[in-house]
Amino acid sequence: MFSRLKDIYNKIKNLNKSIDTYKDESIVQSLPTVAYVNRAKKFVEEGSYEEAKKVLLAALDISKQDYLVYKYLGRIYENEQDFKNAIINYEKVIALNPNDKDVYLRYGMVCLYSDSIDTAIQSFEKANKITPNNSDVFTGWGMALMKLKKYALARDKFVLAAQYNKYNFTAILLSAVMDSRIGEYSSAEEKLRFLIKVAPNESSNYEYAKLKLLQERYDEAIEYANKSIAVNSKMLPAYCILGEVYSIQKNADNTHEVFKIALENGLEGALLYFEWGKACVRLLDFGLAEEKFNKALEQDENFAEAKIGMALVNAYKGDFALLEELKERNLGNVYIQEAIGLLNMQENKYDDAIDMFNKALKTDKNQIYNYYNIAKSYIQLNNNYKVREYFDKFVESNPQYINGLLDYSKWLISVSDFEEAQRKLRRAEKIDSNNIEVLNLLFFVSYTLVKNNVCEYNIKEAISIANRAIDLGQFEYTPQKQELEDVLKNLSESN
């Protein structure tokens, strides 16, 4: 006991040697811990958090009843993002001085960062009672409601925050984000246009780009995403916007280039590879999508969304094990819906498959491979009208996707619509003039049409297609070509 008192005495004695330095900072000169707090404040202002903590912990040896010591310890731990210790210290402040004017704001924020959302909201409510109309309180309160996905309520708090401080650009930005979430695009547009004029930082430009994406104004989305990156080359979400837009536009070169640039700028991580994989799915490159989802899982083996992406690409390979593991918890996810549709197809439940593919399209209208899945399902149901409808939708949405034109053409041939098959195959030939499958099928339909309507020009054209296929070394219709050559010879002799 004596040694402890002596230790405290020595601390006070050592402090008194330099107490004059802190007299102007101490409100109550008789409380030694106040001087400790003031010394710690200087260290905090200099960013010397470890030194500040040493001073404050030393103050606790003198008294554990000074709420200011805990308050500054809380701020230090908060700045260091050690939210657990920040919470502990702020709770001690509340216990010692429940009417402190700003502790509830700080306590609410660290609870928010720690995902203790209900506690955070209670703290913001208390803060608002003690210091009404505080812009920062309303901002934190709105952020907590945003985490609970109560977007309209969150927007109302952000609006109040901006009313009480017109320079609270964070509140204005977040209220615009909430407007976008609840579909009030005109209100979001007004706020974001204001922000990109007065505070054109990476966040305001990014959110404006995101709004333009939602409005399907893709050129503007590209413009403002690039502006966001120009301000901050590390702004990964802006690269993701570009990747999404380019993949929706079926511009594979630009899509992959964007993600490569993000990698070069040091942004490698699970999120980047996941977004890249999603872009590959939109581009209908499921093999590359699988590679990117796997890379995302290498970065973070517990990344749930990347696992869902893998469930989809596995389903296209006939492997539904991961789907069975994930589907119950993720029925609202577009990839899970699409994969369930594929499972229904495998089980010959074509009506159920069509229902799931349509559900996926409602979830994300850009998940357009489902048009193709629906067309294939209607083939099995012998509904030719619907097969045409959905194949038309698919090839219209993917005009450069040669496999879609090929599959459509094969079905048209199977129902003896050779003229329409010829039109689709000619479109495919323009995409890839050396595609051997296209050339063989184009010859076959041309041969069939020529037989029904003999025309010297058309015969020569069909033979020309056959010769191109022969040059590629994989021609499949030699007897039919010979037949046309004989017809052409006879026509020449008769003339």
Protein backbone atom coordinates (compact mmCIF):
# COMPACT_ATOMS: atom_id res chain seq x y z
CA MET A 1 0.00 0.00 0.00
CA PHE A 2 2.79 2.40 0.98
CA SER A 3 4.75 1.66 -2.21
CA ARG A 4 1.66 2.35 -4.37
CA LEU A 5 1.06 5.72 -2.65
CA LYS A 6 4.71 6.53 -3.11
CA ASP A 7 4.48 5.71 -6.80
CA ILE A 8 1.49 8.02 -7.21
CA TYR A 9 3.32 10.74 -5.27
CA ASN A 10 6.36 10.45 -7.55
CA LYS A 11 4.17 10.69 -10.65
CA ILE A 12 2.59 13.88 -9.32
CA LYS A 13 5.98 15.24 -8.30
CA ASN A 14 7.46 14.59 -11.74
CA LEU A 15 4.46 16.18 -13.35
CA ASN A 16 4.69 19.28 -11.14
CA LYS A 17 8.19 19.97 -12.48
CA SER A 18 6.68 20.90 -15.85
CA ILE A 19 3.15 21.82 -14.79
CA ASP A 20 3.60 25.43 -15.78
CA THR A 21 3.77 24.33 -19.41
CA TYR A 22 0.21 23.07 -19.15
CA LYS A 23 -1.36 25.66 -16.80
CA ASP A 24 -3.05 27.44 -19.66
CA GLU A 25 -4.65 24.16 -20.76
CA SER A 26 -5.85 23.06 -17.31
CA ILE A 27 -9.25 24.24 -16.27
CA VAL A 28 -9.03 22.81 -12.75
CA GLN A 29 -5.43 23.12 -11.62
CA SER A 30 -5.97 20.95 -8.56
CA LEU A 31 -6.68 17.84 -10.71
CA PRO A 32 -3.37 16.35 -11.88
CA THR A 33 -5.09 14.10 -14.45
CA VAL A 34 -6.22 17.20 -16.35
CA ALA A 35 -2.61 18.07 -17.09
CA TYR A 36 -2.03 14.51 -18.24
CA VAL A 37 -5.00 14.83 -20.58
CA ASN A 38 -3.66 18.11 -21.94
CA ARG A 39 -0.25 16.57 -22.55
CA ALA A 40 -1.94 13.65 -24.32
CA LYS A 41 -3.96 16.09 -26.43
CA LYS A 42 -0.74 17.58 -27.76
CA PHE A 43 0.54 14.16 -28.73
CA VAL A 44 -2.78 13.36 -30.42
CA GLU A 45 -2.61 16.57 -32.44
CA GLU A 46 0.87 15.52 -33.58
CA GLY A 47 -0.37 12.04 -34.48
CA SER A 48 1.80 10.45 -31.78
CA TYR A 49 -0.87 8.06 -30.54
CA GLU A 50 1.44 5.68 -28.68
CA GLU A 51 2.93 8.53 -26.66
CA ALA A 52 -0.56 9.86 -25.96
CA LYS A 53 -1.70 6.45 -24.74
CA LYS A 54 1.29 6.17 -22.39
CA VAL A 55 0.42 9.51 -20.81
CA LEU A 56 -3.28 8.65 -20.46
CA LEU A 57 -2.59 5.21 -19.00
CA ALA A 58 -0.27 6.88 -16.52
CA ALA A 59 -3.14 9.20 -15.56
CA LEU A 60 -5.26 6.17 -14.71
CA ASP A 61 -2.71 5.29 -12.01
CA ILE A 62 -3.65 8.54 -10.33
CA SER A 63 -7.41 8.31 -10.81
CA LYS A 64 -9.81 6.03 -12.61
CA GLN A 65 -12.65 8.50 -12.22
CA ASP A 66 -11.67 11.13 -14.78
CA TYR A 67 -13.95 10.59 -17.76
CA LEU A 68 -11.69 12.76 -19.97
CA VAL A 69 -8.93 10.17 -19.77
CA TYR A 70 -11.25 7.50 -21.12
CA LYS A 71 -12.67 9.90 -23.66
CA TYR A 72 -9.28 10.60 -25.22
CA LEU A 73 -8.27 6.97 -25.04
CA GLY A 74 -11.47 6.20 -26.91
CA ARG A 75 -10.64 8.76 -29.60
CA ILE A 76 -7.13 7.34 -30.00
CA TYR A 77 -8.40 3.77 -30.34
CA GLU A 78 -11.05 5.00 -32.77
CA ASN A 79 -8.41 6.72 -34.91
CA GLU A 80 -6.40 3.50 -34.87
CA GLN A 81 -9.56 1.59 -35.88
CA ASP A 82 -9.32 -0.49 -32.71
CA PHE A 83 -13.07 -0.24 -32.25
CA LYS A 84 -13.30 -2.85 -29.50
CA ASN A 85 -11.12 -0.80 -27.16
CA ALA A 86 -12.76 2.43 -28.32
CA ILE A 87 -16.15 1.02 -27.27
CA ILE A 88 -14.81 -0.04 -23.86
CA ASN A 89 -13.47 3.45 -23.15
CA TYR A 90 -16.52 5.32 -24.44
CA GLU A 91 -18.74 3.15 -22.27
CA LYS A 92 -16.65 4.20 -19.25
CA VAL A 93 -17.14 7.85 -20.25
CA ILE A 94 -20.90 7.32 -20.37
CA ALA A 95 -20.84 5.63 -16.97
CA LEU A 96 -18.86 8.50 -15.41
CA ASN A 97 -20.47 11.40 -17.26
CA PRO A 98 -23.73 10.39 -19.00
CA ASN A 99 -24.38 13.98 -20.09
CA ASP A 100 -21.16 14.46 -22.04
CA LYS A 101 -22.17 16.42 -25.11
CA ASP A 102 -20.37 14.41 -27.79
CA VAL A 103 -19.55 10.94 -26.41
CA TYR A 104 -22.78 9.47 -27.75
CA LEU A 105 -21.85 10.52 -31.27
CA ARG A 106 -18.44 8.89 -30.98
CA TYR A 107 -19.86 5.80 -29.26
CA GLY A 108 -22.50 5.51 -31.96
CA MET A 109 -19.89 5.68 -34.71
CA VAL A 110 -17.64 2.97 -33.28
CA CYS A 111 -20.66 0.74 -32.69
CA LEU A 112 -21.62 1.38 -36.31
CA TYR A 113 -18.14 0.41 -37.49
CA SER A 114 -18.39 -2.73 -35.34
CA ASP A 115 -21.78 -3.67 -36.85
CA SER A 116 -23.58 -3.20 -33.52
CA ILE A 117 -26.23 -1.31 -35.43
CA ASP A 118 -29.06 -1.29 -32.89
CA THR A 119 -26.72 0.02 -30.18
CA ALA A 120 -25.42 2.65 -32.60
CA ILE A 121 -28.95 3.88 -33.33
CA GLN A 122 -29.75 4.09 -29.61
CA SER A 123 -26.59 6.13 -29.10
CA PHE A 124 -27.44 8.53 -31.92
CA GLU A 125 -30.93 8.98 -30.46
CA LYS A 126 -29.36 9.87 -27.10
CA ALA A 127 -26.88 12.22 -28.80
CA ASN A 128 -29.74 14.01 -30.53
CA LYS A 129 -31.47 14.61 -27.18
CA ILE A 130 -28.33 16.09 -25.62
CA THR A 131 -27.21 18.11 -28.67
CA PRO A 132 -30.23 18.55 -30.94
CA ASN A 133 -29.87 19.35 -34.63
CA ASN A 134 -26.27 18.15 -34.87
CA SER A 135 -25.40 17.43 -38.49
CA ASP A 136 -22.83 14.75 -37.65
CA VAL A 137 -25.30 12.91 -35.43
CA PHE A 138 -27.87 12.76 -38.21
CA THR A 139 -25.17 11.58 -40.63
CA GLY A 140 -24.14 8.71 -38.37
CA TRP A 141 -27.77 7.87 -37.67
CA GLY A 142 -28.49 7.72 -41.40
CA MET A 143 -25.48 5.45 -41.95
CA ALA A 144 -26.79 3.03 -39.33
CA LEU A 145 -30.22 2.95 -40.97
CA MET A 146 -28.53 2.45 -44.33
CA LYS A 147 -26.80 -0.67 -42.98
CA LEU A 148 -30.22 -1.99 -41.96
CA LYS A 149 -31.34 -1.35 -45.57
CA LYS A 150 -33.94 1.15 -44.37
CA TYR A 151 -33.06 3.41 -47.25
CA ALA A 152 -35.97 5.86 -47.10
CA LEU A 153 -35.44 6.48 -43.36
CA ALA A 154 -31.70 6.81 -43.89
CA ARG A 155 -32.28 9.35 -46.66
CA ASP A 156 -34.44 11.44 -44.30
CA LYS A 157 -31.61 11.57 -41.73
CA PHE A 158 -29.06 12.59 -44.36
CA VAL A 159 -31.40 15.32 -45.59
CA LEU A 160 -31.66 16.66 -42.02
CA ALA A 161 -27.88 16.52 -41.67
CA ALA A 162 -27.50 18.65 -44.80
CA GLN A 163 -30.16 21.09 -43.62
CA TYR A 164 -28.26 21.78 -40.41
CA ASN A 165 -24.91 22.03 -42.19
CA LYS A 166 -25.04 22.94 -45.88
CA TYR A 167 -21.33 22.08 -46.14
CA ASN A 168 -21.86 18.49 -45.00
CA PHE A 169 -21.15 17.09 -48.45
CA THR A 170 -20.96 13.55 -47.07
CA ALA A 171 -24.60 13.79 -45.99
CA ILE A 172 -25.63 15.21 -49.38
CA LEU A 173 -23.76 12.41 -51.15
CA LEU A 174 -25.31 9.69 -49.00
CA SER A 175 -28.80 11.14 -49.39
CA ALA A 176 -28.28 10.97 -53.16
CA VAL A 177 -27.16 7.35 -52.84
CA MET A 178 -30.32 6.56 -50.90
CA ASP A 179 -32.43 8.33 -53.54
CA SER A 180 -30.87 6.00 -56.12
CA ARG A 181 -31.57 2.94 -53.97
CA ILE A 182 -35.27 3.76 -53.70
CA GLY A 183 -35.59 4.72 -57.37
CA GLU A 184 -35.89 8.49 -56.96
CA TYR A 185 -33.41 9.19 -59.73
CA SER A 186 -34.37 12.81 -60.38
CA SER A 187 -33.67 13.76 -56.76
CA ALA A 188 -30.38 11.85 -56.84
CA GLU A 189 -29.47 13.58 -60.11
CA GLU A 190 -30.03 17.03 -58.63
CA LYS A 191 -27.84 16.35 -55.59
CA LEU A 192 -25.05 14.64 -57.49
CA ARG A 193 -24.90 17.34 -60.15
CA PHE A 194 -24.48 19.85 -57.31
CA LEU A 195 -21.70 17.78 -55.74
CA ILE A 196 -19.69 17.28 -58.91
CA LYS A 197 -19.64 21.07 -59.26
CA VAL A 198 -18.73 22.01 -55.68
CA ALA A 199 -16.89 18.85 -54.57
CA PRO A 200 -15.81 16.90 -57.66
CA ASN A 201 -13.94 14.18 -55.79
CA GLU A 202 -13.68 10.48 -56.62
CA SER A 203 -16.79 9.61 -54.59
CA SER A 204 -19.17 12.16 -56.13
CA ASN A 205 -18.01 11.30 -59.65
CA TYR A 206 -18.31 7.57 -58.93
CA GLU A 207 -21.84 7.87 -57.54
CA TYR A 208 -22.86 9.96 -60.53
CA ALA A 209 -21.42 7.29 -62.83
CA LYS A 210 -23.37 4.65 -60.90
CA LEU A 211 -26.59 6.65 -61.30
CA LYS A 212 -25.97 6.91 -65.04
CA LEU A 213 -25.48 3.14 -65.14
CA LEU A 214 -28.84 2.64 -63.43
CA GLN A 215 -30.41 5.00 -65.95
CA GLU A 216 -28.75 3.04 -68.80
CA ARG A 217 -26.98 6.20 -69.96
CA TYR A 218 -23.80 4.29 -70.59
CA ASP A 219 -21.65 6.95 -72.27
CA GLU A 220 -22.14 9.24 -69.28
CA ALA A 221 -21.46 6.38 -66.88
CA ILE A 222 -18.13 5.82 -68.63
CA GLU A 223 -17.33 9.55 -68.57
CA TYR A 224 -17.84 10.00 -64.82
CA ALA A 225 -16.24 6.69 -63.85
CA ASN A 226 -13.14 7.84 -65.71
CA LYS A 227 -13.30 11.18 -63.89
CA SER A 228 -13.42 9.33 -60.58
CA ILE A 229 -10.32 7.34 -61.54
CA ALA A 230 -8.57 10.52 -62.72
CA VAL A 231 -8.99 11.94 -59.21
CA ASN A 232 -7.98 8.68 -57.51
CA SER A 233 -6.41 5.87 -59.53
CA LYS A 234 -7.09 3.51 -56.60
CA MET A 235 -10.88 3.91 -56.87
CA LEU A 236 -11.71 0.24 -57.53
CA PRO A 237 -15.52 0.70 -57.65
CA ALA A 238 -15.10 3.06 -60.61
CA TYR A 239 -13.15 0.40 -62.53
CA CYS A 240 -15.98 -2.03 -61.73
CA ILE A 241 -18.51 0.42 -63.20
CA LEU A 242 -16.47 0.58 -66.41
CA GLY A 243 -16.16 -3.20 -66.54
CA GLU A 244 -19.90 -3.59 -66.09
CA VAL A 245 -20.78 -1.02 -68.76
CA TYR A 246 -18.36 -2.39 -71.33
CA SER A 247 -19.55 -5.96 -70.73
CA ILE A 248 -23.20 -4.89 -71.10
CA GLN A 249 -22.16 -3.28 -74.40
CA LYS A 250 -20.44 -6.56 -75.39
CA ASN A 251 -17.10 -4.79 -75.74
CA ALA A 252 -14.80 -7.58 -74.57
CA ASP A 253 -11.53 -5.77 -75.37
CA ASN A 254 -12.38 -2.70 -73.27
CA THR A 255 -13.81 -4.86 -70.48
CA HIS A 256 -10.63 -6.84 -69.99
CA GLU A 257 -8.42 -3.78 -70.49
CA VAL A 258 -10.16 -1.95 -67.62
CA PHE A 259 -9.54 -4.76 -65.15
CA LYS A 260 -5.93 -5.14 -66.31
CA ILE A 261 -5.35 -1.43 -65.62
CA ALA A 262 -6.86 -1.88 -62.15
CA LEU A 263 -4.38 -4.71 -61.54
CA GLU A 264 -1.49 -2.53 -62.71
CA ASN A 265 -2.60 0.11 -60.20
CA GLY A 266 -2.23 -2.33 -57.33
CA LEU A 267 -5.92 -3.17 -56.86
CA GLU A 268 -5.65 -6.94 -57.01
CA GLY A 269 -8.10 -8.61 -54.64
CA ALA A 270 -11.15 -10.81 -54.34
CA LEU A 271 -13.58 -8.05 -55.32
CA LEU A 272 -11.71 -7.17 -58.50
CA TYR A 273 -11.62 -10.79 -59.68
CA PHE A 274 -15.27 -11.32 -58.75
CA GLU A 275 -16.39 -8.27 -60.75
CA TRP A 276 -14.20 -9.42 -63.62
CA GLY A 277 -15.88 -12.83 -63.47
CA LYS A 278 -19.32 -11.21 -63.55
CA ALA A 279 -18.28 -9.25 -66.64
CA CYS A 280 -17.15 -12.49 -68.30
CA VAL A 281 -20.57 -14.01 -67.59
CA ARG A 282 -22.21 -11.04 -69.35
CA LEU A 283 -19.83 -11.63 -72.26
CA LEU A 284 -20.94 -15.30 -72.27
CA ASP A 285 -17.36 -16.46 -71.67
CA PHE A 286 -18.09 -18.97 -68.91
CA GLY A 287 -14.63 -20.53 -69.05
CA LEU A 288 -12.91 -17.23 -68.30
CA ALA A 289 -15.58 -16.42 -65.70
CA GLU A 290 -14.68 -19.63 -63.88
CA GLU A 291 -11.01 -18.64 -63.89
CA LYS A 292 -11.78 -15.22 -62.38
CA PHE A 293 -14.16 -16.59 -59.72
CA ASN A 294 -11.47 -19.10 -58.73
CA LYS A 295 -8.95 -16.27 -58.40
CA ALA A 296 -11.40 -14.38 -56.20
CA LEU A 297 -11.66 -17.43 -53.94
CA GLU A 298 -7.88 -17.74 -53.85
CA GLN A 299 -7.82 -14.20 -52.46
CA ASP A 300 -10.68 -14.86 -50.03
CA GLU A 301 -11.83 -18.46 -49.63
CA ASN A 302 -14.96 -17.32 -47.76
CA PHE A 303 -16.12 -14.84 -50.42
CA ALA A 304 -19.77 -15.92 -50.67
CA GLU A 305 -20.56 -14.10 -53.92
CA ALA A 306 -17.61 -15.71 -55.71
CA LYS A 307 -18.87 -19.12 -54.56
CA ILE A 308 -22.26 -18.26 -56.04
CA GLY A 309 -20.54 -17.35 -59.31
CA MET A 310 -18.81 -20.72 -59.27
CA ALA A 311 -22.17 -22.41 -58.65
CA LEU A 312 -23.43 -20.93 -61.93
CA VAL A 313 -20.43 -21.85 -64.10
CA ASN A 314 -20.44 -25.33 -62.55
CA ALA A 315 -24.13 -25.66 -63.41
CA TYR A 316 -23.34 -24.97 -67.07
CA LYS A 317 -20.96 -27.94 -66.87
CA GLY A 318 -23.67 -30.14 -65.32
CA ASP A 319 -22.24 -29.98 -61.79
CA PHE A 320 -24.90 -28.89 -59.29
CA ALA A 321 -23.19 -29.77 -55.98
CA LEU A 322 -22.30 -26.17 -55.08
CA LEU A 323 -25.78 -25.02 -56.08
CA GLU A 324 -27.33 -27.48 -53.61
CA GLU A 325 -25.07 -26.06 -50.88
CA LEU A 326 -25.92 -22.42 -51.58
CA LYS A 327 -29.42 -22.19 -53.01
CA GLU A 328 -31.52 -22.11 -49.83
CA ARG A 329 -29.75 -19.00 -48.50
CA ASN A 330 -29.52 -17.21 -51.84
CA LEU A 331 -32.78 -17.70 -53.71
CA GLY A 332 -32.91 -14.00 -54.61
CA ASN A 333 -29.54 -14.11 -56.38
CA VAL A 334 -29.71 -14.04 -60.18
CA TYR A 335 -26.93 -16.63 -60.57
CA ILE A 336 -28.68 -19.05 -58.23
CA GLN A 337 -31.96 -18.56 -60.08
CA GLU A 338 -30.26 -19.27 -63.41
CA ALA A 339 -28.48 -22.34 -62.02
CA ILE A 340 -31.75 -23.71 -60.61
CA GLY A 341 -33.24 -23.28 -64.08
CA LEU A 342 -30.38 -25.34 -65.54
CA LEU A 343 -30.97 -28.04 -62.91
CA ASN A 344 -34.66 -28.13 -63.86
CA MET A 345 -33.66 -28.55 -67.51
CA GLN A 346 -31.41 -31.46 -66.63
CA GLU A 347 -34.33 -33.06 -64.79
CA ASN A 348 -36.62 -32.47 -67.80
CA LYS A 349 -38.74 -30.00 -65.83
CA TYR A 350 -38.89 -27.54 -68.69
CA ASP A 351 -41.86 -25.47 -67.49
CA ASP A 352 -40.14 -25.01 -64.11
CA ALA A 353 -36.90 -24.16 -65.90
CA ILE A 354 -38.61 -21.46 -67.96
CA ASP A 355 -40.13 -19.98 -64.79
CA MET A 356 -36.69 -19.74 -63.15
CA PHE A 357 -35.03 -18.25 -66.24
CA ASN A 358 -37.76 -15.60 -66.45
CA LYS A 359 -37.29 -14.91 -62.73
CA ALA A 360 -33.57 -14.42 -63.32
CA LEU A 361 -34.32 -11.94 -66.11
CA LYS A 362 -36.57 -9.97 -63.77
CA THR A 363 -33.79 -9.89 -61.19
CA ASP A 364 -31.24 -8.70 -63.77
CA LYS A 365 -32.37 -7.97 -67.30
CA ASN A 366 -28.74 -7.98 -68.46
CA GLN A 367 -28.46 -11.70 -67.64
CA ILE A 368 -29.53 -12.32 -71.23
CA TYR A 369 -28.15 -15.82 -71.72
CA ASN A 370 -31.45 -16.81 -70.14
CA TYR A 371 -33.19 -15.97 -73.43
CA TYR A 372 -31.14 -18.76 -74.96
CA ASN A 373 -31.96 -21.09 -72.07
CA ILE A 374 -35.66 -20.37 -72.49
CA ALA A 375 -35.47 -21.01 -76.24
CA LYS A 376 -33.81 -24.38 -75.61
CA SER A 377 -36.50 -25.27 -73.07
CA TYR A 378 -39.27 -24.43 -75.54
CA ILE A 379 -37.59 -26.66 -78.13
CA GLN A 380 -38.16 -29.56 -75.75
CA LEU A 381 -41.78 -28.48 -75.28
CA ASN A 382 -42.28 -28.28 -79.09
CA ASN A 383 -43.50 -24.69 -78.84
CA ASN A 384 -42.03 -23.36 -82.08
CA TYR A 385 -43.58 -19.92 -81.73
CA LYS A 386 -41.86 -19.37 -78.37
CA VAL A 387 -38.59 -20.85 -79.64
CA ARG A 388 -38.48 -18.19 -82.37
CA GLU A 389 -39.44 -15.43 -79.95
CA TYR A 390 -36.66 -16.18 -77.48
CA PHE A 391 -34.00 -16.99 -80.05
CA ASP A 392 -34.80 -13.64 -81.70
CA LYS A 393 -34.44 -11.88 -78.34
CA PHE A 394 -31.16 -13.64 -77.71
CA VAL A 395 -29.50 -12.91 -81.07
CA GLU A 396 -30.79 -9.33 -80.97
CA SER A 397 -29.15 -8.85 -77.57
CA ASN A 398 -25.97 -10.66 -78.68
CA PRO A 399 -25.56 -9.81 -82.39
CA GLN A 400 -21.87 -10.78 -82.39
CA TYR A 401 -22.29 -14.06 -80.50
CA ILE A 402 -21.75 -16.55 -83.30
CA ASN A 403 -22.83 -19.62 -81.30
CA GLY A 404 -26.27 -18.10 -80.80
CA LEU A 405 -26.69 -17.66 -84.55
CA LEU A 406 -25.44 -21.17 -85.15
CA ASP A 407 -27.83 -22.76 -82.66
CA TYR A 408 -30.73 -20.73 -84.00
CA SER A 409 -29.83 -21.80 -87.54
CA LYS A 410 -29.66 -25.48 -86.58
CA TRP A 411 -33.12 -25.29 -85.08
CA LEU A 412 -34.46 -23.49 -88.15
CA ILE A 413 -33.01 -26.26 -90.33
CA SER A 414 -34.67 -28.86 -88.07
CA VAL A 415 -38.06 -27.25 -88.77
CA SER A 416 -37.24 -26.84 -92.49
CA ASP A 417 -37.13 -23.05 -92.46
CA PHE A 418 -34.10 -22.96 -94.75
CA GLU A 419 -34.52 -19.38 -95.95
CA GLU A 420 -34.41 -17.96 -92.40
CA ALA A 421 -31.56 -20.30 -91.53
CA GLN A 422 -29.65 -18.98 -94.54
CA ARG A 423 -30.17 -15.38 -93.34
CA LYS A 424 -28.89 -16.21 -89.86
CA LEU A 425 -25.89 -18.09 -91.24
CA ARG A 426 -24.95 -15.20 -93.49
CA ARG A 427 -24.92 -12.95 -90.42
CA ALA A 428 -22.68 -15.49 -88.71
CA GLU A 429 -20.39 -15.59 -91.76
CA LYS A 430 -19.89 -11.82 -91.53
CA ILE A 431 -18.72 -12.26 -87.94
CA ASP A 432 -16.29 -15.08 -88.82
CA SER A 433 -15.81 -15.80 -92.53
CA ASN A 434 -13.58 -18.80 -91.79
CA ASN A 435 -15.80 -20.59 -89.31
CA ILE A 436 -15.97 -24.11 -90.72
CA GLU A 437 -19.26 -24.99 -89.05
CA VAL A 438 -20.90 -21.86 -90.43
CA LEU A 439 -19.61 -22.59 -93.95
CA ASN A 440 -20.79 -26.21 -93.90
CA LEU A 441 -24.27 -25.29 -92.72
CA LEU A 442 -24.47 -22.34 -95.11
CA PHE A 443 -23.61 -24.65 -98.00
CA PHE A 444 -26.20 -27.19 -96.86
CA VAL A 445 -29.08 -24.67 -96.70
CA SER A 446 -27.96 -23.06 -99.97
CA TYR A 447 -27.88 -26.51 -101.61
CA THR A 448 -31.37 -27.29 -100.28
CA LEU A 449 -32.80 -23.98 -101.52
CA VAL A 450 -31.12 -24.31 -104.92
CA LYS A 451 -32.66 -27.74 -105.43
CA ASN A 452 -36.10 -26.23 -104.94
CA ASN A 453 -35.39 -23.23 -107.13
CA VAL A 454 -32.62 -23.88 -109.66
CA CYS A 455 -30.67 -20.72 -110.42
CA GLU A 456 -27.21 -20.61 -112.01
CA TYR A 457 -26.04 -17.73 -109.83
CA ASN A 458 -27.17 -19.44 -106.60
CA ILE A 459 -25.55 -22.73 -107.66
CA LYS A 460 -22.24 -20.97 -108.26
CA GLU A 461 -22.50 -19.20 -104.90
CA ALA A 462 -23.15 -22.50 -103.09
CA ILE A 463 -20.19 -24.15 -104.83
CA SER A 464 -18.03 -21.16 -103.87
CA ILE A 465 -18.99 -21.66 -100.20
CA ALA A 466 -18.09 -25.35 -100.52
CA ASN A 467 -14.69 -24.50 -102.02
CA ARG A 468 -13.92 -22.19 -99.08
CA ALA A 469 -14.77 -24.98 -96.67
CA ILE A 470 -12.58 -27.38 -98.66
CA ASP A 471 -9.69 -24.92 -98.43
CA LEU A 472 -10.09 -25.08 -94.64
CA GLY A 473 -9.95 -28.88 -94.87
CA GLN A 474 -13.26 -29.82 -93.20
CA PHE A 475 -15.99 -29.97 -95.84
CA GLU A 476 -18.84 -32.38 -94.99
CA TYR A 477 -21.05 -32.38 -98.09
CA THR A 478 -18.95 -33.67 -101.00
CA PRO A 479 -21.78 -35.63 -102.73
CA GLN A 480 -24.09 -32.60 -102.59
CA LYS A 481 -21.36 -30.37 -104.04
CA GLN A 482 -20.83 -32.82 -106.87
CA GLU A 483 -24.56 -32.87 -107.50
CA LEU A 484 -24.61 -29.07 -107.87
CA GLU A 485 -21.58 -29.15 -110.18
CA ASP A 486 -23.40 -31.67 -112.38
CA VAL A 487 -26.50 -29.45 -112.45
CA LEU A 488 -24.35 -26.46 -113.38
CA LYS A 489 -22.66 -28.43 -116.15
CA ASN A 490 -26.00 -29.49 -117.56
CA LEU A 491 -27.24 -25.91 -117.49
CA SER A 492 -24.16 -24.74 -119.38
CA GLU A 493 -24.53 -27.48 -122.02
CA SER A 494 -28.22 -26.72 -122.50
CA ASN A 495 -27.37 -23.10 -123.12
